[in-house]
C-alpha atoms as a PDB file:
ATOM      1  CA  UNK A   1     -24.281  -2.131  10.178  1.00  0.00           C
ATOM      2  CA  UNK A   2     -27.684  -0.577   9.470  1.00  0.00           C
ATOM      3  CA  UNK A   3     -30.658  -2.670   8.169  1.00  0.00           C
ATOM      4  CA  UNK A   4     -31.255  -2.707   4.252  1.00  0.00           C
ATOM      5  CA  UNK A   5     -34.054  -0.442   3.317  1.00  0.00           C
ATOM      6  CA  UNK A   6     -37.307  -2.423   2.400  1.00  0.00           C
ATOM      7  CA  UNK A   7     -37.538  -2.135  -1.389  1.00  0.00           C
ATOM      8  CA  UNK A   8     -40.767  -2.862  -2.831  1.00  0.00           C
ATOM      9  CA  UNK A   9     -40.546  -3.350  -6.665  1.00  0.00           C
ATOM     10  CA  UNK A  10     -43.966  -3.452  -8.615  1.00  0.00           C
ATOM     11  CA  UNK A  11     -43.702  -5.945 -11.413  1.00  0.00           C
ATOM     12  CA  UNK A  12     -41.323  -8.891 -11.713  1.00  0.00           C
ATOM     13  CA  UNK A  13     -40.606  -8.977 -15.338  1.00  0.00           C
ATOM     14  CA  UNK A  14     -37.427  -8.264 -17.317  1.00  0.00           C
ATOM     15  CA  UNK A  15     -36.633  -4.873 -16.366  1.00  0.00           C
ATOM     16  CA  UNK A  16     -37.996  -5.310 -12.784  1.00  0.00           C
ATOM     17  CA  UNK A  17     -35.803  -8.317 -12.311  1.00  0.00           C
ATOM     18  CA  UNK A  18     -32.683  -6.281 -13.708  1.00  0.00           C
ATOM     19  CA  UNK A  19     -33.405  -3.432 -11.133  1.00  0.00           C
ATOM     20  CA  UNK A  20     -33.928  -6.300  -8.307  1.00  0.00           C
ATOM     21  CA  UNK A  21     -30.704  -7.994  -9.231  1.00  0.00           C
ATOM     22  CA  UNK A  22     -28.760  -4.848  -9.377  1.00  0.00           C
ATOM     23  CA  UNK A  23     -30.238  -3.804  -5.688  1.00  0.00           C
ATOM     24  CA  UNK A  24     -29.331  -7.323  -4.324  1.00  0.00           C
ATOM     25  CA  UNK A  25     -25.887  -7.211  -5.738  1.00  0.00           C
ATOM     26  CA  UNK A  26     -25.386  -3.750  -4.234  1.00  0.00           C
ATOM     27  CA  UNK A  27     -26.295  -5.553  -0.790  1.00  0.00           C
ATOM     28  CA  UNK A  28     -29.742  -4.020  -0.611  1.00  0.00           C
ATOM     29  CA  UNK A  29     -31.275  -7.434   0.338  1.00  0.00           C
ATOM     30  CA  UNK A  30     -34.766  -6.746   1.756  1.00  0.00           C
ATOM     31  CA  UNK A  31     -36.507  -6.837  -1.513  1.00  0.00           C
ATOM     32  CA  UNK A  32     -40.236  -7.654  -2.212  1.00  0.00           C
ATOM     33  CA  UNK A  33     -41.529  -7.848  -5.958  1.00  0.00           C
ATOM     34  CA  UNK A  34     -45.194  -7.905  -6.921  1.00  0.00           C
ATOM     35  CA  UNK A  35     -46.607  -9.392 -10.005  1.00  0.00           C
ATOM     36  CA  UNK A  36     -49.840 -10.897 -11.536  1.00  0.00           C
ATOM     37  CA  UNK A  37     -51.269 -14.098 -11.029  1.00  0.00           C
ATOM     38  CA  UNK A  38     -50.424 -14.982 -14.596  1.00  0.00           C
ATOM     39  CA  UNK A  39     -47.510 -12.761 -15.673  1.00  0.00           C
ATOM     40  CA  UNK A  40     -47.282 -11.461 -19.100  1.00  0.00           C
ATOM     41  CA  UNK A  41     -43.452 -11.510 -19.254  1.00  0.00           C
ATOM     42  CA  UNK A  42     -41.663 -12.560 -22.425  1.00  0.00           C
ATOM     43  CA  UNK A  43     -38.224 -12.908 -21.197  1.00  0.00           C
ATOM     44  CA  UNK A  44     -38.905 -15.369 -18.519  1.00  0.00           C
ATOM     45  CA  UNK A  45     -35.428 -16.841 -18.461  1.00  0.00           C
ATOM     46  CA  UNK A  46     -34.185 -13.607 -16.733  1.00  0.00           C
ATOM     47  CA  UNK A  47     -37.371 -12.632 -14.709  1.00  0.00           C
ATOM     48  CA  UNK A  48     -38.122 -13.390 -11.192  1.00  0.00           C
ATOM     49  CA  UNK A  49     -41.792 -13.798 -11.832  1.00  0.00           C
ATOM     50  CA  UNK A  50     -41.262 -17.191 -12.888  1.00  0.00           C
ATOM     51  CA  UNK A  51     -40.903 -17.993  -9.179  1.00  0.00           C
ATOM     52  CA  UNK A  52     -44.718 -17.503  -9.054  1.00  0.00           C
ATOM     53  CA  UNK A  53     -45.115 -20.612 -11.331  1.00  0.00           C
ATOM     54  CA  UNK A  54     -42.179 -22.867 -10.165  1.00  0.00           C
ATOM     55  CA  UNK A  55     -41.839 -21.740  -6.555  1.00  0.00           C
ATOM     56  CA  UNK A  56     -38.141 -20.598  -7.170  1.00  0.00           C
ATOM     57  CA  UNK A  57     -36.398 -18.610 -10.002  1.00  0.00           C
ATOM     58  CA  UNK A  58     -32.749 -17.619 -10.345  1.00  0.00           C
ATOM     59  CA  UNK A  59     -31.544 -14.765 -12.493  1.00  0.00           C
ATOM     60  CA  UNK A  60     -27.469 -14.729 -12.905  1.00  0.00           C
ATOM     61  CA  UNK A  61     -26.931 -16.504  -9.498  1.00  0.00           C
ATOM     62  CA  UNK A  62     -29.449 -14.415  -7.509  1.00  0.00           C
ATOM     63  CA  UNK A  63     -32.353 -16.602  -6.125  1.00  0.00           C
ATOM     64  CA  UNK A  64     -36.114 -15.505  -5.569  1.00  0.00           C
ATOM     65  CA  UNK A  65     -38.789 -17.350  -4.002  1.00  0.00           C
ATOM     66  CA  UNK A  66     -42.397 -17.075  -4.188  1.00  0.00           C
ATOM     67  CA  UNK A  67     -44.230 -15.938  -0.943  1.00  0.00           C
ATOM     68  CA  UNK A  68     -47.802 -15.233   0.402  1.00  0.00           C
ATOM     69  CA  UNK A  69     -47.396 -14.072   3.956  1.00  0.00           C
ATOM     70  CA  UNK A  70     -45.233 -11.922   6.003  1.00  0.00           C
ATOM     71  CA  UNK A  71     -43.527 -14.851   7.493  1.00  0.00           C
ATOM     72  CA  UNK A  72     -42.763 -16.356   4.106  1.00  0.00           C
ATOM     73  CA  UNK A  73     -41.180 -12.971   3.112  1.00  0.00           C
ATOM     74  CA  UNK A  74     -39.142 -12.719   6.016  1.00  0.00           C
ATOM     75  CA  UNK A  75     -38.023 -16.398   5.572  1.00  0.00           C
ATOM     76  CA  UNK A  76     -36.752 -15.506   2.122  1.00  0.00           C
ATOM     77  CA  UNK A  77     -34.850 -12.785   3.262  1.00  0.00           C
ATOM     78  CA  UNK A  78     -33.298 -14.847   5.881  1.00  0.00           C
ATOM     79  CA  UNK A  79     -32.046 -17.111   3.277  1.00  0.00           C
ATOM     80  CA  UNK A  80     -30.754 -14.398   1.101  1.00  0.00           C
ATOM     81  CA  UNK A  81     -33.564 -14.568  -1.463  1.00  0.00           C
ATOM     82  CA  UNK A  82     -35.811 -12.101  -3.034  1.00  0.00           C
ATOM     83  CA  UNK A  83     -39.430 -12.436  -2.100  1.00  0.00           C
ATOM     84  CA  UNK A  84     -41.955 -12.595  -5.036  1.00  0.00           C
ATOM     85  CA  UNK A  85     -45.630 -12.024  -4.040  1.00  0.00           C
ATOM     86  CA  UNK A  86     -48.888 -12.222  -6.269  1.00  0.00           C
ATOM     87  CA  UNK A  87     -50.453  -8.789  -6.292  1.00  0.00           C
ATOM     88  CA  UNK A  88     -53.676 -10.499  -5.189  1.00  0.00           C
ATOM     89  CA  UNK A  89     -51.848 -11.575  -1.965  1.00  0.00           C
ATOM     90  CA  UNK A  90     -50.301  -8.397  -1.145  1.00  0.00           C
ATOM     91  CA  UNK A  91     -53.425  -7.158   0.884  1.00  0.00           C
ATOM     92  CA  UNK A  92     -52.638  -9.758   3.659  1.00  0.00           C
ATOM     93  CA  UNK A  93     -49.028  -8.410   4.025  1.00  0.00           C
ATOM     94  CA  UNK A  94     -49.769  -4.633   3.836  1.00  0.00           C
ATOM     95  CA  UNK A  95     -48.364  -4.223   7.249  1.00  0.00           C
ATOM     96  CA  UNK A  96     -45.190  -4.554   5.334  1.00  0.00           C
ATOM     97  CA  UNK A  97     -44.207  -0.810   5.075  1.00  0.00           C
ATOM     98  CA  UNK A  98     -41.765  -0.272   2.290  1.00  0.00           C
ATOM     99  CA  UNK A  99     -39.109   2.410   2.481  1.00  0.00           C
ATOM    100  CA  UNK A 100     -38.543   2.556  -1.226  1.00  0.00           C
ATOM    101  CA  UNK A 101     -41.176   1.744  -3.798  1.00  0.00           C
ATOM    102  CA  UNK A 102     -40.138   1.187  -7.463  1.00  0.00           C
ATOM    103  CA  UNK A 103     -42.921   1.107 -10.298  1.00  0.00           C
ATOM    104  CA  UNK A 104     -41.354  -1.141 -12.852  1.00  0.00           C
ATOM    105  CA  UNK A 105     -44.708  -2.268 -14.544  1.00  0.00           C
ATOM    106  CA  UNK A 106     -43.840  -0.466 -17.672  1.00  0.00           C
ATOM    107  CA  UNK A 107     -47.483   0.104 -18.531  1.00  0.00           C
ATOM    108  CA  UNK A 108     -46.688   3.436 -20.302  1.00  0.00           C
ATOM    109  CA  UNK A 109     -49.009   4.780 -17.882  1.00  0.00           C
ATOM    110  CA  UNK A 110     -49.523   5.137 -14.067  1.00  0.00           C
ATOM    111  CA  UNK A 111     -51.615   2.355 -12.985  1.00  0.00           C
ATOM    112  CA  UNK A 112     -51.886   3.644  -9.336  1.00  0.00           C
ATOM    113  CA  UNK A 113     -48.636   4.448  -7.923  1.00  0.00           C
ATOM    114  CA  UNK A 114     -48.450   7.730  -5.839  1.00  0.00           C
ATOM    115  CA  UNK A 115     -45.816   9.994  -4.371  1.00  0.00           C
ATOM    116  CA  UNK A 116     -46.948   9.265  -0.819  1.00  0.00           C
ATOM    117  CA  UNK A 117     -46.614   5.364  -1.277  1.00  0.00           C
ATOM    118  CA  UNK A 118     -43.303   5.403   0.408  1.00  0.00           C
ATOM    119  CA  UNK A 119     -40.596   7.961   1.539  1.00  0.00           C
ATOM    120  CA  UNK A 120     -38.844   7.344  -1.702  1.00  0.00           C
ATOM    121  CA  UNK A 121     -40.853   6.402  -4.872  1.00  0.00           C
ATOM    122  CA  UNK A 122     -39.056   5.729  -8.197  1.00  0.00           C
ATOM    123  CA  UNK A 123     -41.051   4.991 -11.375  1.00  0.00           C
ATOM    124  CA  UNK A 124     -39.692   3.614 -14.630  1.00  0.00           C
ATOM    125  CA  UNK A 125     -40.524   5.159 -18.103  1.00  0.00           C
ATOM    126  CA  UNK A 126     -43.271   7.362 -19.514  1.00  0.00           C
ATOM    127  CA  UNK A 127     -46.644   7.724 -17.690  1.00  0.00           C
ATOM    128  CA  UNK A 128     -45.218   9.439 -14.472  1.00  0.00           C
ATOM    129  CA  UNK A 129     -44.307  13.081 -13.696  1.00  0.00           C
ATOM    130  CA  UNK A 130     -41.512  13.426 -11.198  1.00  0.00           C
ATOM    131  CA  UNK A 131     -42.433  15.489  -8.296  1.00  0.00           C
ATOM    132  CA  UNK A 132     -46.191  14.881  -8.769  1.00  0.00           C
ATOM    133  CA  UNK A 133     -46.601  10.900  -9.216  1.00  0.00           C
ATOM    134  CA  UNK A 134     -43.170   9.786  -7.674  1.00  0.00           C
ATOM    135  CA  UNK A 135     -40.072  11.391  -6.693  1.00  0.00           C
ATOM    136  CA  UNK A 136     -37.786  10.296  -9.457  1.00  0.00           C
ATOM    137  CA  UNK A 137     -38.404   8.910 -12.965  1.00  0.00           C
ATOM    138  CA  UNK A 138     -35.993   6.741 -14.713  1.00  0.00           C
ATOM    139  CA  UNK A 139     -35.530   7.113 -18.614  1.00  0.00           C
ATOM    140  CA  UNK A 140     -36.175   3.716 -20.434  1.00  0.00           C
ATOM    141  CA  UNK A 141     -35.944   5.121 -24.058  1.00  0.00           C
ATOM    142  CA  UNK A 142     -32.894   3.624 -25.647  1.00  0.00           C
ATOM    143  CA  UNK A 143     -30.396   6.359 -26.701  1.00  0.00           C
ATOM    144  CA  UNK A 144     -28.245   8.878 -24.866  1.00  0.00           C
ATOM    145  CA  UNK A 145     -30.396   9.204 -21.943  1.00  0.00           C
ATOM    146  CA  UNK A 146     -31.197   5.646 -21.100  1.00  0.00           C
ATOM    147  CA  UNK A 147     -31.051   5.324 -17.272  1.00  0.00           C
ATOM    148  CA  UNK A 148     -31.023   8.970 -16.627  1.00  0.00           C
ATOM    149  CA  UNK A 149     -32.639  10.038 -13.435  1.00  0.00           C
ATOM    150  CA  UNK A 150     -35.468  12.656 -13.822  1.00  0.00           C
ATOM    151  CA  UNK A 151     -36.087  14.969 -10.925  1.00  0.00           C
ATOM    152  CA  UNK A 152     -38.865  17.118 -12.467  1.00  0.00           C
ATOM    153  CA  UNK A 153     -40.929  16.330 -15.591  1.00  0.00           C
ATOM    154  CA  UNK A 154     -41.322  12.783 -17.274  1.00  0.00           C
ATOM    155  CA  UNK A 155     -39.710  10.442 -19.496  1.00  0.00           C
ATOM    156  CA  UNK A 156     -39.768  10.626 -23.257  1.00  0.00           C
ATOM    157  CA  UNK A 157     -42.984   9.459 -24.864  1.00  0.00           C
ATOM    158  CA  UNK A 158     -43.379   5.756 -25.999  1.00  0.00           C
ATOM    159  CA  UNK A 159     -42.466   5.533 -29.641  1.00  0.00           C
ATOM    160  CA  UNK A 160     -44.299   2.321 -29.924  1.00  0.00           C
ATOM    161  CA  UNK A 161     -41.208   0.904 -31.869  1.00  0.00           C
ATOM    162  CA  UNK A 162     -39.172  -1.893 -30.392  1.00  0.00           C
ATOM    163  CA  UNK A 163     -35.318  -1.198 -29.720  1.00  0.00           C
ATOM    164  CA  UNK A 164     -33.017  -1.857 -32.846  1.00  0.00           C
ATOM    165  CA  UNK A 165     -30.955  -5.133 -32.526  1.00  0.00           C
ATOM    166  CA  UNK A 166     -28.813  -5.884 -35.448  1.00  0.00           C
ATOM    167  CA  UNK A 167     -30.752  -3.688 -37.709  1.00  0.00           C
ATOM    168  CA  UNK A 168     -34.108  -5.107 -36.845  1.00  0.00           C
ATOM    169  CA  UNK A 169     -36.929  -3.536 -34.806  1.00  0.00           C
ATOM    170  CA  UNK A 170     -40.530  -4.447 -35.004  1.00  0.00           C
ATOM    171  CA  UNK A 171     -39.828  -7.467 -37.092  1.00  0.00           C
ATOM    172  CA  UNK A 172     -38.030  -9.228 -34.166  1.00  0.00           C
ATOM    173  CA  UNK A 173     -41.135  -8.980 -31.844  1.00  0.00           C
ATOM    174  CA  UNK A 174     -43.824 -11.760 -32.014  1.00  0.00           C
ATOM    175  CA  UNK A 175     -47.248 -10.381 -31.399  1.00  0.00           C
ATOM    176  CA  UNK A 176     -50.747 -11.976 -30.946  1.00  0.00           C
ATOM    177  CA  UNK A 177     -52.822 -12.177 -34.075  1.00  0.00           C
ATOM    178  CA  UNK A 178     -56.057 -12.311 -32.222  1.00  0.00           C
ATOM    179  CA  UNK A 179     -57.525 -12.639 -28.715  1.00  0.00           C
ATOM    180  CA  UNK A 180     -57.350 -16.095 -27.209  1.00  0.00           C
ATOM    181  CA  UNK A 181     -55.032 -18.528 -25.464  1.00  0.00           C
ATOM    182  CA  UNK A 182     -51.467 -18.789 -26.650  1.00  0.00           C
ATOM    183  CA  UNK A 183     -50.167 -22.288 -27.249  1.00  0.00           C
ATOM    184  CA  UNK A 184     -46.563 -23.384 -28.130  1.00  0.00           C
ATOM    185  CA  UNK A 185     -44.125 -26.255 -27.760  1.00  0.00           C
ATOM    186  CA  UNK A 186     -41.125 -24.023 -28.299  1.00  0.00           C
ATOM    187  CA  UNK A 187     -38.540 -23.308 -25.806  1.00  0.00           C
ATOM    188  CA  UNK A 188     -36.534 -20.021 -25.061  1.00  0.00           C
ATOM    189  CA  UNK A 189     -33.077 -20.597 -26.514  1.00  0.00           C
ATOM    190  CA  UNK A 190     -34.058 -22.405 -29.647  1.00  0.00           C
ATOM    191  CA  UNK A 191     -33.009 -21.312 -32.929  1.00  0.00           C
ATOM    192  CA  UNK A 192     -35.542 -20.385 -35.585  1.00  0.00           C
ATOM    193  CA  UNK A 193     -35.835 -19.374 -38.965  1.00  0.00           C
ATOM    194  CA  UNK A 194     -37.972 -16.855 -40.843  1.00  0.00           C
ATOM    195  CA  UNK A 195     -41.700 -18.280 -41.345  1.00  0.00           C
ATOM    196  CA  UNK A 196     -40.987 -21.052 -38.824  1.00  0.00           C
ATOM    197  CA  UNK A 197     -44.178 -21.751 -36.755  1.00  0.00           C
ATOM    198  CA  UNK A 198     -43.628 -20.551 -32.968  1.00  0.00           C
ATOM    199  CA  UNK A 199     -47.340 -21.355 -31.634  1.00  0.00           C
ATOM    200  CA  UNK A 200     -50.711 -20.290 -32.342  1.00  0.00           C
ATOM    201  CA  UNK A 201     -53.632 -18.238 -30.844  1.00  0.00           C
ATOM    202  CA  UNK A 202     -56.745 -20.095 -31.323  1.00  0.00           C
ATOM    203  CA  UNK A 203     -56.695 -21.152 -35.040  1.00  0.00           C
ATOM    204  CA  UNK A 204     -54.188 -18.356 -35.908  1.00  0.00           C
ATOM    205  CA  UNK A 205     -50.492 -19.271 -36.370  1.00  0.00           C
ATOM    206  CA  UNK A 206     -47.556 -17.199 -34.894  1.00  0.00           C
ATOM    207  CA  UNK A 207     -44.475 -17.272 -37.181  1.00  0.00           C
ATOM    208  CA  UNK A 208     -41.002 -15.968 -36.700  1.00  0.00           C
ATOM    209  CA  UNK A 209     -40.278 -13.017 -39.283  1.00  0.00           C
ATOM    210  CA  UNK A 210     -36.575 -13.536 -39.204  1.00  0.00           C
ATOM    211  CA  UNK A 211     -33.837 -15.784 -38.360  1.00  0.00           C
ATOM    212  CA  UNK A 212     -32.270 -15.939 -34.850  1.00  0.00           C
ATOM    213  CA  UNK A 213     -32.562 -17.235 -31.386  1.00  0.00           C
ATOM    214  CA  UNK A 214     -36.095 -17.269 -29.391  1.00  0.00           C
ATOM    215  CA  UNK A 215     -34.749 -14.942 -26.799  1.00  0.00           C
ATOM    216  CA  UNK A 216     -38.214 -14.618 -25.009  1.00  0.00           C
ATOM    217  CA  UNK A 217     -41.584 -16.339 -25.163  1.00  0.00           C
ATOM    218  CA  UNK A 218     -44.692 -15.645 -23.051  1.00  0.00           C
ATOM    219  CA  UNK A 219     -45.855 -18.758 -20.898  1.00  0.00           C
ATOM    220  CA  UNK A 220     -48.005 -21.139 -23.216  1.00  0.00           C
ATOM    221  CA  UNK A 221     -51.433 -21.357 -21.870  1.00  0.00           C
ATOM    222  CA  UNK A 222     -51.554 -17.414 -21.271  1.00  0.00           C
ATOM    223  CA  UNK A 223     -54.852 -15.712 -22.215  1.00  0.00           C
ATOM    224  CA  UNK A 224     -53.714 -12.880 -24.651  1.00  0.00           C
ATOM    225  CA  UNK A 225     -55.363 -10.090 -26.435  1.00  0.00           C
ATOM    226  CA  UNK A 226     -54.572  -9.092 -30.128  1.00  0.00           C
ATOM    227  CA  UNK A 227     -51.308  -7.281 -30.461  1.00  0.00           C
ATOM    228  CA  UNK A 228     -49.840  -8.229 -27.249  1.00  0.00           C
ATOM    229  CA  UNK A 229     -46.126  -9.221 -27.147  1.00  0.00           C
ATOM    230  CA  UNK A 230     -45.755 -12.845 -27.416  1.00  0.00           C
ATOM    231  CA  UNK A 231     -42.092 -13.423 -27.881  1.00  0.00           C
ATOM    232  CA  UNK A 232     -38.623 -11.932 -29.184  1.00  0.00           C
ATOM    233  CA  UNK A 233     -36.265 -13.179 -31.751  1.00  0.00           C
ATOM    234  CA  UNK A 234     -32.818 -12.125 -31.383  1.00  0.00           C
ATOM    235  CA  UNK A 235     -31.287 -11.990 -34.935  1.00  0.00           C
ATOM    236  CA  UNK A 236     -27.618 -12.170 -33.135  1.00  0.00           C
ATOM    237  CA  UNK A 237     -28.563 -15.718 -32.340  1.00  0.00           C
ATOM    238  CA  UNK A 238     -26.322 -16.040 -29.128  1.00  0.00           C
ATOM    239  CA  UNK A 239     -28.109 -18.235 -26.802  1.00  0.00           C
ATOM    240  CA  UNK A 240     -26.238 -16.813 -23.824  1.00  0.00           C
ATOM    241  CA  UNK A 241     -28.264 -13.709 -24.331  1.00  0.00           C
ATOM    242  CA  UNK A 242     -31.367 -15.487 -23.358  1.00  0.00           C
ATOM    243  CA  UNK A 243     -30.089 -16.186 -19.940  1.00  0.00           C
ATOM    244  CA  UNK A 244     -28.203 -12.939 -19.026  1.00  0.00           C
ATOM    245  CA  UNK A 245     -29.546  -9.476 -18.197  1.00  0.00           C
ATOM    246  CA  UNK A 246     -29.760  -7.059 -21.227  1.00  0.00           C
ATOM    247  CA  UNK A 247     -27.920  -3.852 -21.508  1.00  0.00           C
ATOM    248  CA  UNK A 248     -31.104  -1.950 -21.292  1.00  0.00           C
ATOM    249  CA  UNK A 249     -32.112  -3.616 -17.965  1.00  0.00           C
ATOM    250  CA  UNK A 250     -28.587  -2.963 -16.528  1.00  0.00           C
ATOM    251  CA  UNK A 251     -28.603   0.767 -17.569  1.00  0.00           C
ATOM    252  CA  UNK A 252     -32.114   1.342 -15.947  1.00  0.00           C
ATOM    253  CA  UNK A 253     -31.167  -0.561 -12.922  1.00  0.00           C
ATOM    254  CA  UNK A 254     -28.205   1.593 -12.489  1.00  0.00           C
ATOM    255  CA  UNK A 255     -30.454   4.491 -12.279  1.00  0.00           C
ATOM    256  CA  UNK A 256     -32.853   2.918  -9.901  1.00  0.00           C
ATOM    257  CA  UNK A 257     -29.748   2.122  -7.715  1.00  0.00           C
ATOM    258  CA  UNK A 258     -28.491   5.655  -7.969  1.00  0.00           C
ATOM    259  CA  UNK A 259     -31.769   7.052  -6.839  1.00  0.00           C
ATOM    260  CA  UNK A 260     -31.920   4.808  -3.820  1.00  0.00           C
ATOM    261  CA  UNK A 261     -28.435   5.672  -2.628  1.00  0.00           C
ATOM    262  CA  UNK A 262     -29.257   9.438  -3.109  1.00  0.00           C
ATOM    263  CA  UNK A 263     -32.163   8.846  -0.640  1.00  0.00           C
ATOM    264  CA  UNK A 264     -30.474   6.513   1.828  1.00  0.00           C
ATOM    265  CA  UNK A 265     -27.098   8.464   1.910  1.00  0.00           C
ATOM    266  CA  UNK A 266     -28.461  11.895   2.512  1.00  0.00           C
ATOM    267  CA  UNK A 267     -26.281  14.203   4.738  1.00  0.00           C
ATOM    268  CA  UNK A 268     -26.396  13.549   8.477  1.00  0.00           C
ATOM    269  CA  UNK A 269     -29.702  15.023  10.011  1.00  0.00           C
ATOM    270  CA  UNK A 270     -31.739  14.753   6.541  1.00  0.00           C
ATOM    271  CA  UNK A 271     -34.652  12.195   6.259  1.00  0.00           C
ATOM    272  CA  UNK A 272     -33.410   8.942   4.597  1.00  0.00           C
ATOM    273  CA  UNK A 273     -33.354   5.240   5.034  1.00  0.00           C
END
């Protein structure tokens, strides 16, 4: 049986982790993810970047482990785990040559991904042009085209409005009122009410604006900037949703999986994995 392609996923937050989970479940097991020393992820209960803090993270039964060297990455794969590496440590394992690169940072702009980074380069969302910056772009905007593969051009422009859940959009998102360090004693999965205190940034309180379950919360102690997303209140108030991959992440991950398989399963004689 041929060896799985080495897949490098830039980012290890919610959407990137949904992608990694789906590829892993499709038996593409040589996966390495990159993220910041201090990730800005909100949905930490379903994000493999949590491994950088605790050493190990599990999302819907799939296990990931923090790694710093090529040997540690290989050990994670041998143990049927996903490897998660700090971006600052990647330089020491640059001899690892990925066959597929997925830019899942979701910065709404290209932060350095190039089409020649790997034989197949896939990027999520706006900020990329398929055929120029990467080979394929995956649509991330909710709606009819969510998860669609784009082979020429780019994804829909960022609207700046969060996706609607139970009739709520911007009201369900908690944002930093100022620059500073975010502090909170709340936990993901707690039921909150409108106006409940969720935490603070410096002297400025952060309060829920509607009733629901705290589906996501940035790690307390994180340095944040004004306007940064700090948390997510789900008005459906279903705790199970806090610990499972979202419909949006699954749709995007399906697009990435299709793109990888298009590349790997090219007709005999064509270049592929």
